[in-house]
Amino acid sequence: VTAEDIKVAGAMTVLLRDAIMPNLLQTLENTPCFVHTGPFANIAHGNSSILADRIALKLSEVVVTESGFGADRGAEKFFNIKCRISGLKPDCVVLVCSIRALKMHSGRFTVVAGRPFEPELMKENLDALEAGCANLEKQIENMRLFGLPVIVAINRFTSDTEQEIELVCKKALAAGAEEAVLSEVWSKGSRGGVKLAEAVVKAAEKKSNFRFLYPLDWPIKKKIETIATKIYGAAGVHYEEEADRKIALYTKLGCDKLPICMAKTHLSLSHDPRLKGRPQGFILPIRDVRVSVLSLIHISEPTRPLYSSYAVFCLKK
C-alpha cells in the first residue's frame, strides 16, 4: 500500500517541505544544536546532514558534527562519502571512547544491549583495559590515515578510576593522538568540557593534510579491499558469487565511480561481532553489492548499544 493509494501523497509532500530544514534544539545551557537526518543504522553512512553543517558554519566559528556507530564505520564514511560530496574539509578528529567499552574489547566480558552490565566490568581492571586499548590504538591509526590531528575524549563514568584514565591517556598518546582529555559534561555540564574544547580548538588550528582513502576512479573491488585492509585490518576479501555478478554489472553500467558505503557489524573492527579488540588475519566476506544512485542515505535508528569509539569532527568557518 502506497501513499498514493490512500490519496495522501500530496499532503505528505507539503509536510516534507519543512522536514528538509534542520531541527534547531538547545542544550540545557541554551547553546544551539542542529538535529538533522542522523541515519546511524548498519547500512547507513552514520552522519548528520550536509545542510545542517553548512548552516552551522554560517553561524559559528567552530562546528562539531558527529559521525557515529564506531569510528571504523561512521568516520570512514564521513571522510570518503560526506566530505567528498559536500566539499567540507574537517580540521581535526575528536575520537570518543569510554573505559568500560575498552574493557569490553578485551573479550573478557559479555555486553548485551538492553541488559545490565556484568558487575566485574564496572570494577578496576587494568589488564583488561590494556588489552582492549588495542581497539583504540587502531582507531587512532585509522583517523591519522586521513591526515588529521586526533584528540581522544574519554567519556567519564562514575565507575572509572584514576589509574584506568591514566592508562588510556598513556596509550592514546603513544598511538599518535595529540591529546587525551576527560569529558565530564554529563556530570558537570559545560564546565566538564572546557579542557576538551580547548584541546580541540588548539588541534584545529594546526595545519592538517586532509586526504581521502581512495580515488573514485579505482575499480569497485579495489575500493572495497582498501577499506577492508586499511580500516578494518583484514588480511583479504572474499567475494560471493552474487557480489561478483553485481560488481561486474554495475561496472558495465558505469556506476563504478561512486564511493563505497560498507555495511557490517558495529561490534567489531571485523565482520564478526565476536572478534573484539584489534582482530587480524581475518578474511572479510562480501555477500552482496547494491547501487544507490538516487539517494546515498538510508534512514533507520536501532537501539544504540555500547560503542568502543565514535568520532566527531571539528570544522572551522
C-alpha atoms as a PDB file:
ATOM      1  CA  VAL A   1       0.000   0.000   0.000  1.00  0.00           C
ATOM      2  CA  THR A   2       1.497   3.329  -1.035  1.00  0.00           C
ATOM      3  CA  ALA A   3       0.795   6.907  -0.002  1.00  0.00           C
ATOM      4  CA  GLU A   4      -0.775   7.468  -3.405  1.00  0.00           C
ATOM      5  CA  ASP A   5      -3.180   4.535  -2.891  1.00  0.00           C
ATOM      6  CA  ILE A   6      -4.759   6.263   0.089  1.00  0.00           C
ATOM      7  CA  LYS A   7      -4.676   9.691  -1.587  1.00  0.00           C
ATOM      8  CA  VAL A   8      -2.246  11.387   0.832  1.00  0.00           C
ATOM      9  CA  ALA A   9       0.888  11.743  -1.344  1.00  0.00           C
ATOM     10  CA  GLY A  10       0.270  15.453  -1.890  1.00  0.00           C
ATOM     11  CA  ALA A  11      -0.292  16.170   1.797  1.00  0.00           C
ATOM     12  CA  MET A  12       2.865  14.263   2.746  1.00  0.00           C
ATOM     13  CA  THR A  13       4.875  16.224   0.187  1.00  0.00           C
ATOM     14  CA  VAL A  14       3.714  19.503   1.717  1.00  0.00           C
ATOM     15  CA  LEU A  15       4.839  18.319   5.160  1.00  0.00           C
ATOM     16  CA  LEU A  16       8.223  17.211   3.805  1.00  0.00           C
ATOM     17  CA  ARG A  17       8.926  20.739   2.551  1.00  0.00           C
ATOM     18  CA  ASP A  18       9.518  21.700   6.182  1.00  0.00           C
ATOM     19  CA  ALA A  19      11.287  18.459   7.052  1.00  0.00           C
ATOM     20  CA  ILE A  20      14.208  19.361   4.770  1.00  0.00           C
ATOM     21  CA  MET A  21      15.199  22.087   7.230  1.00  0.00           C
ATOM     22  CA  PRO A  22      17.339  21.050  10.225  1.00  0.00           C
ATOM     23  CA  ASN A  23      15.632  20.901  13.606  1.00  0.00           C
ATOM     24  CA  LEU A  24      17.127  23.541  15.901  1.00  0.00           C
ATOM     25  CA  LEU A  25      17.374  22.446  19.527  1.00  0.00           C
ATOM     26  CA  GLN A  26      19.125  23.945  22.510  1.00  0.00           C
ATOM     27  CA  THR A  27      21.126  22.359  25.293  1.00  0.00           C
ATOM     28  CA  LEU A  28      20.336  22.747  28.993  1.00  0.00           C
ATOM     29  CA  GLU A  29      22.679  25.755  28.915  1.00  0.00           C
ATOM     30  CA  ASN A  30      20.922  27.309  25.906  1.00  0.00           C
ATOM     31  CA  THR A  31      23.576  26.635  23.270  1.00  0.00           C
ATOM     32  CA  PRO A  32      22.316  25.756  19.759  1.00  0.00           C
ATOM     33  CA  CYS A  33      22.332  22.287  18.272  1.00  0.00           C
ATOM     34  CA  PHE A  34      21.059  21.113  14.880  1.00  0.00           C
ATOM     35  CA  VAL A  35      19.484  17.662  14.592  1.00  0.00           C
ATOM     36  CA  HIS A  36      19.017  16.509  11.019  1.00  0.00           C
ATOM     37  CA  THR A  37      18.901  13.024   9.463  1.00  0.00           C
ATOM     38  CA  GLY A  38      21.252  11.068  11.746  1.00  0.00           C
ATOM     39  CA  PRO A  39      20.940   7.704   9.951  1.00  0.00           C
ATOM     40  CA  PHE A  40      23.033   5.514  12.260  1.00  0.00           C
ATOM     41  CA  ALA A  41      21.908   2.075  11.080  1.00  0.00           C
ATOM     42  CA  ASN A  42      24.101  -0.704   9.760  1.00  0.00           C
ATOM     43  CA  ILE A  43      23.601   0.175   6.094  1.00  0.00           C
ATOM     44  CA  ALA A  44      23.761   3.944   6.552  1.00  0.00           C
ATOM     45  CA  HIS A  45      26.620   6.417   6.458  1.00  0.00           C
ATOM     46  CA  GLY A  46      26.086   7.393  10.122  1.00  0.00           C
ATOM     47  CA  ASN A  47      26.350  11.153   9.750  1.00  0.00           C
ATOM     48  CA  SER A  48      24.300  14.282  10.228  1.00  0.00           C
ATOM     49  CA  SER A  49      23.212  16.181   7.138  1.00  0.00           C
ATOM     50  CA  ILE A  50      25.444  18.369   4.995  1.00  0.00           C
ATOM     51  CA  LEU A  51      22.749  21.049   5.119  1.00  0.00           C
ATOM     52  CA  ALA A  52      22.902  21.266   8.922  1.00  0.00           C
ATOM     53  CA  ASP A  53      26.703  21.541   8.846  1.00  0.00           C
ATOM     54  CA  ARG A  54      26.613  24.316   6.240  1.00  0.00           C
ATOM     55  CA  ILE A  55      24.064  26.352   8.174  1.00  0.00           C
ATOM     56  CA  ALA A  56      26.045  25.879  11.387  1.00  0.00           C
ATOM     57  CA  LEU A  57      29.236  27.072   9.670  1.00  0.00           C
ATOM     58  CA  LYS A  58      27.417  30.263   8.676  1.00  0.00           C
ATOM     59  CA  LEU A  59      26.508  30.912  12.300  1.00  0.00           C
ATOM     60  CA  SER A  60      29.622  29.887  14.220  1.00  0.00           C
ATOM     61  CA  GLU A  61      33.407  29.922  14.067  1.00  0.00           C
ATOM     62  CA  VAL A  62      33.710  26.255  15.044  1.00  0.00           C
ATOM     63  CA  VAL A  63      31.253  23.442  14.314  1.00  0.00           C
ATOM     64  CA  VAL A  64      31.313  19.998  15.907  1.00  0.00           C
ATOM     65  CA  THR A  65      29.468  17.373  13.862  1.00  0.00           C
ATOM     66  CA  GLU A  66      29.030  13.758  14.898  1.00  0.00           C
ATOM     67  CA  SER A  67      29.864  10.682  12.886  1.00  0.00           C
ATOM     68  CA  GLY A  68      28.761   7.701  14.929  1.00  0.00           C
ATOM     69  CA  PHE A  69      28.420   3.946  15.041  1.00  0.00           C
ATOM     70  CA  GLY A  70      32.122   3.179  15.503  1.00  0.00           C
ATOM     71  CA  ALA A  71      34.916   5.270  14.023  1.00  0.00           C
ATOM     72  CA  ASP A  72      35.740   2.461  11.575  1.00  0.00           C
ATOM     73  CA  ARG A  73      32.258   2.905  10.136  1.00  0.00           C
ATOM     74  CA  GLY A  74      30.824   6.403  10.590  1.00  0.00           C
ATOM     75  CA  ALA A  75      34.139   8.250  10.376  1.00  0.00           C
ATOM     76  CA  GLU A  76      35.294   6.378   7.274  1.00  0.00           C
ATOM     77  CA  LYS A  77      32.010   7.251   5.579  1.00  0.00           C
ATOM     78  CA  PHE A  78      32.210  10.863   6.766  1.00  0.00           C
ATOM     79  CA  PHE A  79      35.580  11.249   5.056  1.00  0.00           C
ATOM     80  CA  ASN A  80      35.088   9.220   1.893  1.00  0.00           C
ATOM     81  CA  ILE A  81      31.412   9.988   1.189  1.00  0.00           C
ATOM     82  CA  LYS A  82      30.175  13.084   3.019  1.00  0.00           C
ATOM     83  CA  CYS A  83      33.329  15.203   2.707  1.00  0.00           C
ATOM     84  CA  ARG A  84      33.790  14.206  -0.911  1.00  0.00           C
ATOM     85  CA  ILE A  85      30.223  15.159  -1.882  1.00  0.00           C
ATOM     86  CA  SER A  86      29.971  18.292   0.263  1.00  0.00           C
ATOM     87  CA  GLY A  87      33.458  19.684  -0.240  1.00  0.00           C
ATOM     88  CA  LEU A  88      33.760  20.194   3.534  1.00  0.00           C
ATOM     89  CA  LYS A  89      37.204  19.562   4.996  1.00  0.00           C
ATOM     90  CA  PRO A  90      37.460  18.772   8.727  1.00  0.00           C
ATOM     91  CA  ASP A  91      40.264  20.326  10.766  1.00  0.00           C
ATOM     92  CA  CYS A  92      40.575  17.671  13.466  1.00  0.00           C
ATOM     93  CA  VAL A  93      39.025  14.470  14.787  1.00  0.00           C
ATOM     94  CA  VAL A  94      37.625  14.019  18.290  1.00  0.00           C
ATOM     95  CA  LEU A  95      37.706  10.274  18.936  1.00  0.00           C
ATOM     96  CA  VAL A  96      35.332   9.482  21.791  1.00  0.00           C
ATOM     97  CA  CYS A  97      35.836   6.387  23.942  1.00  0.00           C
ATOM     98  CA  SER A  98      34.912   5.072  27.372  1.00  0.00           C
ATOM     99  CA  ILE A  99      36.805   2.962  29.903  1.00  0.00           C
ATOM    100  CA  ARG A 100      34.173   0.263  30.140  1.00  0.00           C
ATOM    101  CA  ALA A 101      33.795  -0.043  26.362  1.00  0.00           C
ATOM    102  CA  LEU A 102      37.547  -0.517  26.030  1.00  0.00           C
ATOM    103  CA  LYS A 103      37.489  -3.158  28.764  1.00  0.00           C
ATOM    104  CA  MET A 104      34.723  -4.897  26.816  1.00  0.00           C
ATOM    105  CA  HIS A 105      37.102  -5.020  23.849  1.00  0.00           C
ATOM    106  CA  SER A 106      39.435  -7.245  25.841  1.00  0.00           C
ATOM    107  CA  GLY A 107      36.982 -10.023  25.012  1.00  0.00           C
ATOM    108  CA  ARG A 108      36.640 -10.928  28.692  1.00  0.00           C
ATOM    109  CA  PHE A 109      33.158  -9.507  29.188  1.00  0.00           C
ATOM    110  CA  THR A 110      29.795 -10.034  27.527  1.00  0.00           C
ATOM    111  CA  VAL A 111      27.751  -6.938  26.794  1.00  0.00           C
ATOM    112  CA  VAL A 112      24.166  -7.282  25.556  1.00  0.00           C
ATOM    113  CA  ALA A 113      22.173  -4.209  24.542  1.00  0.00           C
ATOM    114  CA  GLY A 114      19.345  -3.523  26.983  1.00  0.00           C
ATOM    115  CA  ARG A 115      20.733  -5.720  29.757  1.00  0.00           C
ATOM    116  CA  PRO A 116      22.672  -4.616  32.858  1.00  0.00           C
ATOM    117  CA  PHE A 117      26.454  -4.770  32.617  1.00  0.00           C
ATOM    118  CA  GLU A 118      28.385  -7.524  34.345  1.00  0.00           C
ATOM    119  CA  PRO A 119      29.450  -6.240  37.797  1.00  0.00           C
ATOM    120  CA  GLU A 120      33.084  -7.082  37.005  1.00  0.00           C
ATOM    121  CA  LEU A 121      33.033  -4.702  34.049  1.00  0.00           C
ATOM    122  CA  MET A 122      32.449  -1.813  36.430  1.00  0.00           C
ATOM    123  CA  LYS A 123      35.446  -2.644  38.637  1.00  0.00           C
ATOM    124  CA  GLU A 124      39.020  -1.515  38.053  1.00  0.00           C
ATOM    125  CA  ASN A 125      40.771  -3.977  35.746  1.00  0.00           C
ATOM    126  CA  LEU A 126      43.937  -2.590  34.222  1.00  0.00           C
ATOM    127  CA  ASP A 127      44.849  -5.836  32.453  1.00  0.00           C
ATOM    128  CA  ALA A 128      41.522  -5.984  30.608  1.00  0.00           C
ATOM    129  CA  LEU A 129      41.702  -2.275  29.832  1.00  0.00           C
ATOM    130  CA  GLU A 130      45.205  -2.528  28.400  1.00  0.00           C
ATOM    131  CA  ALA A 131      44.131  -5.434  26.186  1.00  0.00           C
ATOM    132  CA  GLY A 132      41.064  -3.527  24.981  1.00  0.00           C
ATOM    133  CA  CYS A 133      43.084  -0.416  24.195  1.00  0.00           C
ATOM    134  CA  ALA A 134      44.263  -2.221  21.055  1.00  0.00           C
ATOM    135  CA  ASN A 135      40.923  -1.168  19.556  1.00  0.00           C
ATOM    136  CA  LEU A 136      41.524   2.486  20.432  1.00  0.00           C
ATOM    137  CA  GLU A 137      45.048   2.338  19.020  1.00  0.00           C
ATOM    138  CA  LYS A 138      43.728   1.029  15.713  1.00  0.00           C
ATOM    139  CA  GLN A 139      41.033   3.706  15.575  1.00  0.00           C
ATOM    140  CA  ILE A 140      43.647   6.426  16.121  1.00  0.00           C
ATOM    141  CA  GLU A 141      45.738   4.874  13.358  1.00  0.00           C
ATOM    142  CA  ASN A 142      42.675   4.875  11.085  1.00  0.00           C
ATOM    143  CA  MET A 143      41.935   8.553  11.689  1.00  0.00           C
ATOM    144  CA  ARG A 144      45.524   9.545  11.004  1.00  0.00           C
ATOM    145  CA  LEU A 145      45.308   7.824   7.603  1.00  0.00           C
ATOM    146  CA  PHE A 146      43.175  10.806   6.573  1.00  0.00           C
ATOM    147  CA  GLY A 147      45.858  13.329   7.541  1.00  0.00           C
ATOM    148  CA  LEU A 148      44.128  14.912  10.539  1.00  0.00           C
ATOM    149  CA  PRO A 149      45.183  15.540  14.159  1.00  0.00           C
ATOM    150  CA  VAL A 150      43.339  13.344  16.667  1.00  0.00           C
ATOM    151  CA  ILE A 151      42.052  14.308  20.109  1.00  0.00           C
ATOM    152  CA  VAL A 152      40.900  11.391  22.273  1.00  0.00           C
ATOM    153  CA  ALA A 153      37.946  12.291  24.520  1.00  0.00           C
ATOM    154  CA  ILE A 154      37.399   9.907  27.419  1.00  0.00           C
ATOM    155  CA  ASN A 155      33.712   9.947  28.272  1.00  0.00           C
ATOM    156  CA  ARG A 156      33.984   9.562  32.039  1.00  0.00           C
ATOM    157  CA  PHE A 157      31.623   7.378  34.075  1.00  0.00           C
ATOM    158  CA  THR A 158      31.376   7.178  37.854  1.00  0.00           C
ATOM    159  CA  SER A 159      32.954   3.710  37.899  1.00  0.00           C
ATOM    160  CA  ASP A 160      36.178   4.878  36.169  1.00  0.00           C
ATOM    161  CA  THR A 161      39.290   5.059  38.337  1.00  0.00           C
ATOM    162  CA  GLU A 162      42.224   7.455  38.081  1.00  0.00           C
ATOM    163  CA  GLN A 163      44.592   4.620  37.192  1.00  0.00           C
ATOM    164  CA  GLU A 164      42.332   3.497  34.349  1.00  0.00           C
ATOM    165  CA  ILE A 165      42.084   7.037  32.981  1.00  0.00           C
ATOM    166  CA  GLU A 166      45.854   7.457  33.213  1.00  0.00           C
ATOM    167  CA  LEU A 167      46.387   4.204  31.292  1.00  0.00           C
ATOM    168  CA  VAL A 168      44.066   5.220  28.435  1.00  0.00           C
ATOM    169  CA  CYS A 169      45.742   8.631  28.183  1.00  0.00           C
ATOM    170  CA  LYS A 170      49.155   6.984  28.021  1.00  0.00           C
ATOM    171  CA  LYS A 171      48.060   4.513  25.339  1.00  0.00           C
ATOM    172  CA  ALA A 172      46.340   7.224  23.268  1.00  0.00           C
ATOM    173  CA  LEU A 173      49.385   9.493  23.214  1.00  0.00           C
ATOM    174  CA  ALA A 174      51.695   6.597  22.369  1.00  0.00           C
ATOM    175  CA  ALA A 175      49.400   5.701  19.442  1.00  0.00           C
ATOM    176  CA  GLY A 176      49.703   9.194  17.969  1.00  0.00           C
ATOM    177  CA  ALA A 177      46.890  11.255  19.483  1.00  0.00           C
ATOM    178  CA  GLU A 178      47.616  14.944  20.001  1.00  0.00           C
ATOM    179  CA  GLU A 179      45.983  14.878  23.434  1.00  0.00           C
ATOM    180  CA  ALA A 180      43.747  12.648  25.555  1.00  0.00           C
ATOM    181  CA  VAL A 181      41.232  14.634  27.615  1.00  0.00           C
ATOM    182  CA  LEU A 182      38.433  13.786  30.025  1.00  0.00           C
ATOM    183  CA  SER A 183      34.885  14.686  29.025  1.00  0.00           C
ATOM    184  CA  GLU A 184      32.763  15.214  32.147  1.00  0.00           C
ATOM    185  CA  VAL A 185      29.881  17.098  30.578  1.00  0.00           C
ATOM    186  CA  TRP A 186      27.363  14.544  31.845  1.00  0.00           C
ATOM    187  CA  SER A 187      28.113  15.336  35.476  1.00  0.00           C
ATOM    188  CA  LYS A 188      29.381  18.924  35.321  1.00  0.00           C
ATOM    189  CA  GLY A 189      27.666  20.484  32.325  1.00  0.00           C
ATOM    190  CA  SER A 190      29.768  22.762  30.123  1.00  0.00           C
ATOM    191  CA  ARG A 191      32.374  23.119  32.888  1.00  0.00           C
ATOM    192  CA  GLY A 192      33.171  19.449  32.354  1.00  0.00           C
ATOM    193  CA  GLY A 193      34.035  20.042  28.723  1.00  0.00           C
ATOM    194  CA  VAL A 194      36.250  23.140  28.927  1.00  0.00           C
ATOM    195  CA  LYS A 195      39.574  21.271  28.724  1.00  0.00           C
ATOM    196  CA  LEU A 196      38.299  19.167  25.850  1.00  0.00           C
ATOM    197  CA  ALA A 197      37.089  22.246  23.971  1.00  0.00           C
ATOM    198  CA  GLU A 198      40.448  23.946  24.451  1.00  0.00           C
ATOM    199  CA  ALA A 199      42.277  20.871  23.153  1.00  0.00           C
ATOM    200  CA  VAL A 200      40.003  20.671  20.102  1.00  0.00           C
ATOM    201  CA  VAL A 201      40.455  24.357  19.195  1.00  0.00           C
ATOM    202  CA  LYS A 202      44.222  24.011  19.600  1.00  0.00           C
ATOM    203  CA  ALA A 203      44.315  20.930  17.334  1.00  0.00           C
ATOM    204  CA  ALA A 204      42.020  22.530  14.748  1.00  0.00           C
ATOM    205  CA  GLU A 205      44.381  25.480  14.422  1.00  0.00           C
ATOM    206  CA  LYS A 206      47.229  23.203  13.387  1.00  0.00           C
ATOM    207  CA  LYS A 207      47.954  22.659   9.726  1.00  0.00           C
ATOM    208  CA  SER A 208      46.313  19.446   8.530  1.00  0.00           C
ATOM    209  CA  ASN A 209      46.737  17.431   5.368  1.00  0.00           C
ATOM    210  CA  PHE A 210      43.257  16.015   4.825  1.00  0.00           C
ATOM    211  CA  ARG A 211      43.052  13.317   2.165  1.00  0.00           C
ATOM    212  CA  PHE A 212      40.651  10.608   1.011  1.00  0.00           C
ATOM    213  CA  LEU A 213      41.406   6.927   1.459  1.00  0.00           C
ATOM    214  CA  TYR A 214      40.842   6.154  -2.216  1.00  0.00           C
ATOM    215  CA  PRO A 215      40.154   7.967  -5.523  1.00  0.00           C
ATOM    216  CA  LEU A 216      36.765   7.434  -7.166  1.00  0.00           C
ATOM    217  CA  ASP A 217      38.270   6.155 -10.414  1.00  0.00           C
ATOM    218  CA  TRP A 218      39.550   2.987  -8.737  1.00  0.00           C
ATOM    219  CA  PRO A 219      37.622  -0.215  -9.566  1.00  0.00           C
ATOM    220  CA  ILE A 220      34.894  -1.230  -7.106  1.00  0.00           C
ATOM    221  CA  LYS A 221      36.881  -4.176  -5.773  1.00  0.00           C
ATOM    222  CA  LYS A 222      39.995  -2.112  -5.158  1.00  0.00           C
ATOM    223  CA  LYS A 223      37.995   0.434  -3.137  1.00  0.00           C
ATOM    224  CA  ILE A 224      36.341  -2.317  -1.093  1.00  0.00           C
ATOM    225  CA  GLU A 225      39.660  -4.049  -0.452  1.00  0.00           C
ATOM    226  CA  THR A 226      41.307  -0.782   0.590  1.00  0.00           C
ATOM    227  CA  ILE A 227      38.640  -0.131   3.241  1.00  0.00           C
ATOM    228  CA  ALA A 228      38.813  -3.755   4.399  1.00  0.00           C
ATOM    229  CA  THR A 229      42.581  -3.909   4.781  1.00  0.00           C
ATOM    230  CA  LYS A 230      43.422  -0.333   5.787  1.00  0.00           C
ATOM    231  CA  ILE A 231      40.479   0.468   8.101  1.00  0.00           C
ATOM    232  CA  TYR A 232      39.243  -2.910   9.357  1.00  0.00           C
ATOM    233  CA  GLY A 233      42.638  -4.641   9.353  1.00  0.00           C
ATOM    234  CA  ALA A 234      41.540  -7.603   7.225  1.00  0.00           C
ATOM    235  CA  ALA A 235      44.086  -9.838   5.552  1.00  0.00           C
ATOM    236  CA  GLY A 236      41.957 -10.006   2.450  1.00  0.00           C
ATOM    237  CA  VAL A 237      38.457 -10.080   0.943  1.00  0.00           C
ATOM    238  CA  HIS A 238      36.293 -12.953  -0.346  1.00  0.00           C
ATOM    239  CA  TYR A 239      33.505 -12.179  -2.827  1.00  0.00           C
ATOM    240  CA  GLU A 240      30.489 -14.460  -3.004  1.00  0.00           C
ATOM    241  CA  GLU A 241      29.014 -15.239  -6.411  1.00  0.00           C
ATOM    242  CA  GLU A 242      26.164 -12.720  -6.091  1.00  0.00           C
ATOM    243  CA  ALA A 243      28.574  -9.926  -5.175  1.00  0.00           C
ATOM    244  CA  ASP A 244      30.871 -10.760  -8.086  1.00  0.00           C
ATOM    245  CA  ARG A 245      27.944 -10.753 -10.511  1.00  0.00           C
ATOM    246  CA  LYS A 246      26.658  -7.373  -9.347  1.00  0.00           C
ATOM    247  CA  ILE A 247      30.095  -5.739  -9.334  1.00  0.00           C
ATOM    248  CA  ALA A 248      30.502  -6.758 -12.983  1.00  0.00           C
ATOM    249  CA  LEU A 249      27.023  -5.421 -13.791  1.00  0.00           C
ATOM    250  CA  TYR A 250      27.485  -2.069 -12.018  1.00  0.00           C
ATOM    251  CA  THR A 251      30.860  -1.609 -13.646  1.00  0.00           C
ATOM    252  CA  LYS A 252      29.257  -2.212 -17.048  1.00  0.00           C
ATOM    253  CA  LEU A 253      26.528   0.326 -16.222  1.00  0.00           C
ATOM    254  CA  GLY A 254      29.091   2.976 -15.291  1.00  0.00           C
ATOM    255  CA  CYS A 255      28.329   3.008 -11.560  1.00  0.00           C
ATOM    256  CA  ASP A 256      31.856   2.027 -10.571  1.00  0.00           C
ATOM    257  CA  LYS A 257      32.907   5.637  -9.939  1.00  0.00           C
ATOM    258  CA  LEU A 258      30.735   6.013  -6.820  1.00  0.00           C
ATOM    259  CA  PRO A 259      32.133   5.937  -3.269  1.00  0.00           C
ATOM    260  CA  ILE A 260      31.634   2.789  -1.187  1.00  0.00           C
ATOM    261  CA  CYS A 261      29.196   2.618   1.763  1.00  0.00           C
ATOM    262  CA  MET A 262      30.150  -0.580   3.582  1.00  0.00           C
ATOM    263  CA  ALA A 263      27.595  -2.397   5.762  1.00  0.00           C
ATOM    264  CA  LYS A 264      28.989  -4.523   8.581  1.00  0.00           C
ATOM    265  CA  THR A 265      28.657  -5.056  12.313  1.00  0.00           C
ATOM    266  CA  HIS A 266      29.439  -2.164  14.648  1.00  0.00           C
ATOM    267  CA  LEU A 267      30.520  -4.533  17.416  1.00  0.00           C
ATOM    268  CA  SER A 268      33.924  -5.357  15.941  1.00  0.00           C
ATOM    269  CA  LEU A 269      36.502  -3.938  13.571  1.00  0.00           C
ATOM    270  CA  SER A 270      35.887  -7.125  11.597  1.00  0.00           C
ATOM    271  CA  HIS A 271      32.646  -8.557  10.198  1.00  0.00           C
ATOM    272  CA  ASP A 272      32.335 -10.909  13.189  1.00  0.00           C
ATOM    273  CA  PRO A 273      30.868  -9.281  16.348  1.00  0.00           C
ATOM    274  CA  ARG A 274      32.655 -11.869  18.496  1.00  0.00           C
ATOM    275  CA  LEU A 275      36.100 -10.639  17.451  1.00  0.00           C
ATOM    276  CA  LYS A 276      36.963  -7.859  19.875  1.00  0.00           C
ATOM    277  CA  GLY A 277      39.973  -5.578  20.251  1.00  0.00           C
ATOM    278  CA  ARG A 278      42.064  -5.469  17.098  1.00  0.00           C
ATOM    279  CA  PRO A 279      41.387  -8.660  15.123  1.00  0.00           C
ATOM    280  CA  GLN A 280      43.948  -9.544  12.479  1.00  0.00           C
ATOM    281  CA  GLY A 281      44.348 -12.143   9.760  1.00  0.00           C
ATOM    282  CA  PHE A 282      40.627 -12.454   9.003  1.00  0.00           C
ATOM    283  CA  ILE A 283      39.059 -12.543   5.557  1.00  0.00           C
ATOM    284  CA  LEU A 284      36.184 -10.116   5.044  1.00  0.00           C
ATOM    285  CA  PRO A 285      33.242 -11.757   3.210  1.00  0.00           C
ATOM    286  CA  ILE A 286      31.362  -9.625   0.672  1.00  0.00           C
ATOM    287  CA  ARG A 287      27.943 -11.221   0.270  1.00  0.00           C
ATOM    288  CA  ASP A 288      26.110  -8.625  -1.796  1.00  0.00           C
ATOM    289  CA  VAL A 289      26.619  -5.266  -3.502  1.00  0.00           C
ATOM    290  CA  ARG A 290      23.863  -2.743  -4.181  1.00  0.00           C
ATOM    291  CA  VAL A 291      23.918   0.548  -6.011  1.00  0.00           C
ATOM    292  CA  SER A 292      22.122   3.612  -4.673  1.00  0.00           C
ATOM    293  CA  VAL A 293      22.059   6.209  -7.422  1.00  0.00           C
ATOM    294  CA  LEU A 294      19.087   8.274  -6.265  1.00  0.00           C
ATOM    295  CA  SER A 295      19.936   8.559  -2.587  1.00  0.00           C
ATOM    296  CA  LEU A 296      23.026   7.819  -0.530  1.00  0.00           C
ATOM    297  CA  ILE A 297      21.021   7.936   2.718  1.00  0.00           C
ATOM    298  CA  HIS A 298      19.154   5.059   4.364  1.00  0.00           C
ATOM    299  CA  ILE A 299      17.239   6.283   7.408  1.00  0.00           C
ATOM    300  CA  SER A 300      16.791   3.949  10.349  1.00  0.00           C
ATOM    301  CA  GLU A 301      17.603   4.111  14.043  1.00  0.00           C
ATOM    302  CA  PRO A 302      18.173   0.931  16.067  1.00  0.00           C
ATOM    303  CA  THR A 303      18.599   0.760  19.825  1.00  0.00           C
ATOM    304  CA  ARG A 304      22.046   2.205  20.408  1.00  0.00           C
ATOM    305  CA  PRO A 305      24.371  -0.363  22.043  1.00  0.00           C
ATOM    306  CA  LEU A 306      27.701   0.192  23.762  1.00  0.00           C
ATOM    307  CA  TYR A 307      30.269   1.590  21.357  1.00  0.00           C
ATOM    308  CA  SER A 308      34.011   1.321  21.784  1.00  0.00           C
ATOM    309  CA  SER A 309      34.526   4.577  19.942  1.00  0.00           C
ATOM    310  CA  TYR A 310      32.931   7.046  17.644  1.00  0.00           C
ATOM    311  CA  ALA A 311      34.164  10.244  16.089  1.00  0.00           C
ATOM    312  CA  VAL A 312      33.092  13.827  15.942  1.00  0.00           C
ATOM    313  CA  PHE A 313      34.721  16.377  13.715  1.00  0.00           C
ATOM    314  CA  CYS A 314      35.703  19.979  14.121  1.00  0.00           C
ATOM    315  CA  LEU A 315      35.299  22.291  11.147  1.00  0.00           C
ATOM    316  CA  LYS A 316      36.436  25.912  11.202  1.00  0.00           C
ATOM    317  CA  LYS A 317      34.467  28.639   9.438  1.00  0.00           C
END
